[in-house]
Every structure is written in C-alpha cells, then in structure tokens.
C-alpha cells in the first residue's frame, strides 16, 4: 500500500511540474 502512495505522490509531483509547461505551450499556440 505504501508503495502505491509513494508512486502516486511522485506521479503527482511530475504532473504538477509539467502542467505549467503544457499550459504555456497551449497559450503560445
């Protein structure tokens, strides 16, 4: 169970770090 939580937390951190880049690309287009 803890492995799933750690994986989810890492995924969320990566997702949140890439989301602004994706939004910037969408806005610039």
C-alpha atoms as a PDB file:
ATOM      1  CA  UNK A   1       0.000   0.000   0.000  1.00  0.00           C
ATOM      2  CA  UNK A   2       2.774   2.438   0.859  1.00  0.00           C
ATOM      3  CA  UNK A   3       4.451   1.722  -2.491  1.00  0.00           C
ATOM      4  CA  UNK A   4       1.295   2.822  -4.268  1.00  0.00           C
ATOM      5  CA  UNK A   5       1.166   6.018  -2.214  1.00  0.00           C
ATOM      6  CA  UNK A   6       4.802   6.828  -2.976  1.00  0.00           C
ATOM      7  CA  UNK A   7       4.261   6.141  -6.674  1.00  0.00           C
ATOM      8  CA  UNK A   8       1.152   8.318  -6.708  1.00  0.00           C
ATOM      9  CA  UNK A   9       2.953  11.138  -4.912  1.00  0.00           C
ATOM     10  CA  UNK A  10       5.854  11.018  -7.362  1.00  0.00           C
ATOM     11  CA  UNK A  11       3.434  10.984 -10.292  1.00  0.00           C
ATOM     12  CA  UNK A  12       1.596  13.986  -8.856  1.00  0.00           C
ATOM     13  CA  UNK A  13       4.847  15.922  -8.407  1.00  0.00           C
ATOM     14  CA  UNK A  14       5.889  15.232 -12.003  1.00  0.00           C
ATOM     15  CA  UNK A  15       2.413  16.086 -13.270  1.00  0.00           C
ATOM     16  CA  UNK A  16       2.352  19.384 -11.390  1.00  0.00           C
ATOM     17  CA  UNK A  17       5.840  20.267 -12.604  1.00  0.00           C
ATOM     18  CA  UNK A  18       4.941  19.637 -16.269  1.00  0.00           C
ATOM     19  CA  UNK A  19       1.451  21.138 -16.245  1.00  0.00           C
ATOM     20  CA  UNK A  20       2.642  24.804 -16.449  1.00  0.00           C
ATOM     21  CA  UNK A  21       4.856  23.943 -19.431  1.00  0.00           C
ATOM     22  CA  UNK A  22       1.913  22.329 -21.182  1.00  0.00           C
ATOM     23  CA  UNK A  23      -0.326  25.329 -20.464  1.00  0.00           C
ATOM     24  CA  UNK A  24       2.354  27.731 -21.738  1.00  0.00           C
ATOM     25  CA  UNK A  25       2.626  25.756 -24.971  1.00  0.00           C
ATOM     26  CA  UNK A  26      -1.131  25.807 -25.440  1.00  0.00           C
ATOM     27  CA  UNK A  27      -1.313  29.546 -24.796  1.00  0.00           C
ATOM     28  CA  UNK A  28       1.596  30.377 -27.122  1.00  0.00           C
ATOM     29  CA  UNK A  29      -0.024  28.369 -29.913  1.00  0.00           C
END
